[in-house]
Amino acid sequence: PTVMRSRLRSATELPPSVRYECQQGGPLTVLRAPDGRQAEASFANRRVLLSRQESAAQEKYGNGSLTLYLEGEKALLTEDSIVVAGRCESVVVLPVVPQMRY
């Protein structure tokens, strides 16, 4: 018989609104919809609505030209594969929750 083993991992719990300071491109604010299907990114006097996409990142949103990657306390925003907000970190410590992985 096969024995399934599980291990406990931690993952950052992303709140509905996160403000990031970016070393490249200035501040970035992300507002996530309650259902997680959309996010609004505000940066460089622009505000854009992005849809959730499949990704290996914790969360990824895009609209064809803009792509937002959220991974724990870090974020990255690209436009046509060029970084517009890079090396971004949350201005506050985000909560971490345990997750079971099999």
Protein backbone atom coordinates (compact mmCIF):
# COMPACT_ATOMS: atom_id res chain seq x y z
CA PRO A 1 0.00 0.00 0.00
CA THR A 2 1.07 3.55 -0.72
CA VAL A 3 1.43 5.85 2.26
CA MET A 4 0.70 9.50 1.65
CA ARG A 5 2.81 11.84 3.68
CA SER A 6 1.85 15.38 4.37
CA ARG A 7 3.96 18.26 5.48
CA LEU A 8 3.04 21.59 6.93
CA ARG A 9 4.09 24.64 4.95
CA SER A 10 3.50 28.31 5.54
CA ALA A 11 2.02 30.67 2.99
CA THR A 12 1.45 34.39 3.12
CA GLU A 13 -2.20 35.33 3.36
CA LEU A 14 -2.77 38.22 0.99
CA PRO A 15 -5.26 40.77 2.36
CA PRO A 16 -7.76 42.55 0.04
CA SER A 17 -5.54 45.66 -0.13
CA VAL A 18 -1.73 45.72 -0.14
CA ARG A 19 0.57 48.69 -0.58
CA TYR A 20 4.04 47.99 -1.93
CA GLU A 21 7.18 50.12 -2.11
CA CYS A 22 9.14 49.32 -5.25
CA GLN A 23 12.83 49.91 -5.87
CA GLN A 24 11.96 50.28 -9.55
CA GLY A 25 8.93 52.29 -10.61
CA GLY A 26 7.71 53.78 -7.32
CA PRO A 27 4.76 52.76 -5.12
CA LEU A 28 2.22 50.13 -6.16
CA THR A 29 -1.18 49.54 -4.55
CA VAL A 30 -3.14 46.35 -5.22
CA LEU A 31 -6.85 45.92 -4.39
CA ARG A 32 -8.05 42.33 -4.78
CA ALA A 33 -11.70 41.39 -5.36
CA PRO A 34 -13.25 39.29 -2.55
CA ASP A 35 -13.58 36.31 -4.92
CA GLY A 36 -9.94 36.66 -6.07
CA ARG A 37 -10.89 36.83 -9.76
CA GLN A 38 -9.73 40.40 -10.32
CA ALA A 39 -7.27 42.91 -8.94
CA GLU A 40 -6.87 46.62 -9.43
CA ALA A 41 -3.30 47.91 -9.63
CA SER A 42 -2.53 51.59 -9.01
CA PHE A 43 0.91 52.84 -10.04
CA ALA A 44 2.49 55.89 -11.75
CA ASN A 45 -0.83 57.80 -11.78
CA ARG A 46 -2.52 54.85 -13.52
CA ARG A 47 -5.26 52.52 -12.31
CA VAL A 48 -5.89 49.27 -14.19
CA LEU A 49 -8.20 46.29 -13.69
CA LEU A 50 -6.58 42.87 -14.16
CA SER A 51 -8.08 39.36 -14.31
CA ARG A 52 -6.75 36.31 -12.44
CA GLN A 53 -4.56 33.97 -14.50
CA GLU A 54 -3.08 30.51 -13.96
CA SER A 55 0.45 30.66 -12.61
CA ALA A 56 3.08 29.02 -10.46
CA ALA A 57 3.20 32.31 -8.54
CA GLN A 58 0.96 32.64 -5.50
CA GLU A 59 -1.30 34.93 -7.56
CA LYS A 60 -1.04 36.30 -11.10
CA TYR A 61 -3.30 38.85 -12.81
CA GLY A 62 -3.20 40.30 -16.32
CA ASN A 63 -5.04 42.09 -19.12
CA GLY A 64 -3.03 41.25 -22.22
CA SER A 65 -0.28 43.84 -21.87
CA LEU A 66 0.05 44.24 -18.08
CA THR A 67 0.91 41.32 -15.79
CA LEU A 68 0.97 41.45 -12.00
CA TYR A 69 2.70 38.75 -9.96
CA LEU A 70 2.06 38.50 -6.21
CA GLU A 71 4.24 36.17 -4.17
CA GLY A 72 4.08 36.58 -0.40
CA GLU A 73 5.21 40.09 0.52
CA LYS A 74 6.69 40.69 -2.94
CA ALA A 75 5.12 41.97 -6.16
CA LEU A 76 6.18 42.55 -9.75
CA LEU A 77 4.29 44.42 -12.46
CA THR A 78 5.26 44.22 -16.14
CA GLU A 79 3.89 45.86 -19.27
CA ASP A 80 4.62 44.10 -22.56
CA SER A 81 7.33 42.11 -20.70
CA ILE A 82 9.05 45.31 -19.45
CA VAL A 83 9.19 45.84 -15.68
CA VAL A 84 7.17 48.92 -14.65
CA ALA A 85 7.17 48.18 -10.90
CA GLY A 86 9.93 45.87 -9.73
CA ARG A 87 11.49 44.63 -6.53
CA CYS A 88 8.33 45.59 -4.67
CA GLU A 89 7.80 44.68 -1.02
CA SER A 90 4.75 45.16 1.18
CA VAL A 91 5.05 48.15 3.50
CA VAL A 92 3.61 46.04 6.35
CA VAL A 93 4.30 42.46 7.40
CA LEU A 94 1.59 40.21 5.97
CA PRO A 95 0.07 37.34 7.99
CA VAL A 96 1.33 33.80 7.42
CA VAL A 97 -0.98 30.78 7.65
CA PRO A 98 -0.03 27.08 7.74
CA GLN A 99 -1.00 24.90 4.78
CA MET A 100 -1.01 21.14 4.43
CA ARG A 101 0.82 19.77 1.39
CA TYR A 102 0.65 16.15 0.28
